[in-house]
Amino acid sequence: MKQPTDLFSWLFDLILDAQAIRFVLFGVWKCHSLSVENIKSVAEVGAKSKDAQNLDTSRQHKRARSFLIKTKLGWWWDRKMFITPRDPDAFVNWLKLKKIDLQAR
């Protein structure tokens, strides 16, 4: 099955590096960074998941593979992040490399 095209990846995207997930605007301006040490858990969820409601879903696509990241630190409104990476397989491989378990939902 062909993956859906993310029309907004030119505007908002994430970059996986050695120590963090960097959230960038226009491919260059870092607007947020989530360190590997601050990741509590990651689960693959659907766009219509109960956990995905009321979260920042600026890149949400109803058919794209989506992930819910729970963080250890942060304000109550930013302890959960709902992301739809452009390359979900690369994201899953990055999680394995960082020894972060991907929970099933």
Protein backbone atom coordinates (compact mmCIF):
# COMPACT_ATOMS: atom_id res chain seq x y z
CA MET A 1 0.00 0.00 0.00
CA LYS A 2 1.35 3.40 -0.93
CA GLN A 3 2.04 5.76 1.96
CA PRO A 4 0.06 9.03 1.99
CA THR A 5 1.94 12.15 0.97
CA ASP A 6 2.60 14.65 3.72
CA LEU A 7 1.81 18.01 2.18
CA PHE A 8 3.18 19.98 5.12
CA SER A 9 6.63 18.40 5.53
CA TRP A 10 8.16 21.48 3.89
CA LEU A 11 6.66 23.58 6.71
CA PHE A 12 7.11 21.42 9.80
CA ASP A 13 9.27 18.32 10.07
CA LEU A 14 11.35 16.36 12.52
CA ILE A 15 15.01 15.44 12.28
CA LEU A 16 16.46 12.49 14.17
CA ASP A 17 19.99 13.01 15.44
CA ALA A 18 22.28 11.24 17.88
CA GLN A 19 20.88 12.78 21.08
CA ALA A 20 17.45 14.19 20.26
CA ILE A 21 14.47 14.59 18.00
CA ARG A 22 14.62 18.10 16.54
CA PHE A 23 11.41 19.71 15.36
CA VAL A 24 12.10 22.23 12.60
CA LEU A 25 10.25 24.82 10.55
CA PHE A 26 11.07 25.18 6.86
CA GLY A 27 13.71 22.46 7.25
CA VAL A 28 16.20 24.67 9.11
CA TRP A 29 14.80 26.58 12.08
CA LYS A 30 14.69 24.46 15.20
CA CYS A 31 11.53 25.18 17.16
CA HIS A 32 11.81 22.35 19.72
CA SER A 33 14.18 19.59 20.72
CA LEU A 34 13.28 16.43 22.62
CA SER A 35 16.28 14.67 24.14
CA VAL A 36 16.48 10.89 24.16
CA GLU A 37 16.75 10.95 27.97
CA ASN A 38 13.40 12.77 28.24
CA ILE A 39 11.46 10.12 26.30
CA LYS A 40 9.38 8.03 28.70
CA SER A 41 7.60 5.86 26.14
CA VAL A 42 6.60 5.65 22.48
CA ALA A 43 3.55 3.88 21.08
CA GLU A 44 2.27 3.54 17.56
CA VAL A 45 -1.32 4.82 17.50
CA GLY A 46 -3.95 5.60 14.93
CA ALA A 47 -5.01 9.15 14.14
CA LYS A 48 -8.41 8.45 15.70
CA SER A 49 -6.92 7.04 18.90
CA LYS A 50 -8.33 8.26 22.20
CA ASP A 51 -4.75 9.20 23.20
CA ALA A 52 -4.35 11.40 20.13
CA GLN A 53 -7.31 13.63 20.95
CA ASN A 54 -6.52 17.17 22.09
CA LEU A 55 -2.83 16.89 21.20
CA ASP A 56 -0.84 19.04 18.82
CA THR A 57 -1.61 17.34 15.51
CA SER A 58 -0.34 19.88 13.03
CA ARG A 59 1.05 17.12 10.78
CA GLN A 60 -1.64 14.56 11.44
CA HIS A 61 -2.81 12.56 8.47
CA LYS A 62 -5.64 10.10 8.91
CA ARG A 63 -3.88 7.25 7.08
CA ALA A 64 -0.27 7.92 8.06
CA ARG A 65 1.57 5.90 10.69
CA SER A 66 1.37 7.97 13.85
CA PHE A 67 3.21 7.77 17.16
CA LEU A 68 2.47 9.01 20.66
CA ILE A 69 5.55 10.07 22.61
CA LYS A 70 5.22 10.49 26.36
CA THR A 71 7.94 12.56 28.01
CA LYS A 72 9.39 12.46 31.52
CA LEU A 73 9.59 16.23 31.95
CA GLY A 74 7.50 19.16 30.80
CA TRP A 75 4.36 21.08 31.57
CA TRP A 76 1.12 19.11 31.73
CA TRP A 77 0.19 20.12 28.16
CA ASP A 78 3.45 19.03 26.56
CA ARG A 79 4.05 15.66 28.21
CA LYS A 80 2.46 13.97 25.20
CA MET A 81 3.47 14.52 21.60
CA PHE A 82 1.59 13.09 18.63
CA ILE A 83 3.82 12.83 15.55
CA THR A 84 3.51 11.52 12.01
CA PRO A 85 7.09 11.18 10.74
CA ARG A 86 7.69 11.45 7.02
CA ASP A 87 9.62 8.17 7.17
CA PRO A 88 8.04 6.05 9.92
CA ASP A 89 10.38 3.09 9.30
CA ALA A 90 13.42 5.32 9.88
CA PHE A 91 11.80 6.56 13.10
CA VAL A 92 11.22 2.98 14.32
CA ASN A 93 14.84 2.08 13.47
CA TRP A 94 16.04 5.19 15.36
CA LEU A 95 14.03 4.05 18.40
CA LYS A 96 15.68 0.61 18.23
CA LEU A 97 19.13 2.21 17.94
CA LYS A 98 18.41 4.31 21.04
CA LYS A 99 17.01 1.25 22.87
CA ILE A 100 13.56 2.79 23.24
CA ASP A 101 10.80 0.20 23.17
CA LEU A 102 7.92 0.77 20.80
CA GLN A 103 4.76 -0.15 22.66
CA ALA A 104 1.87 -1.75 20.86
CA ARG A 105 -1.61 -0.25 21.14
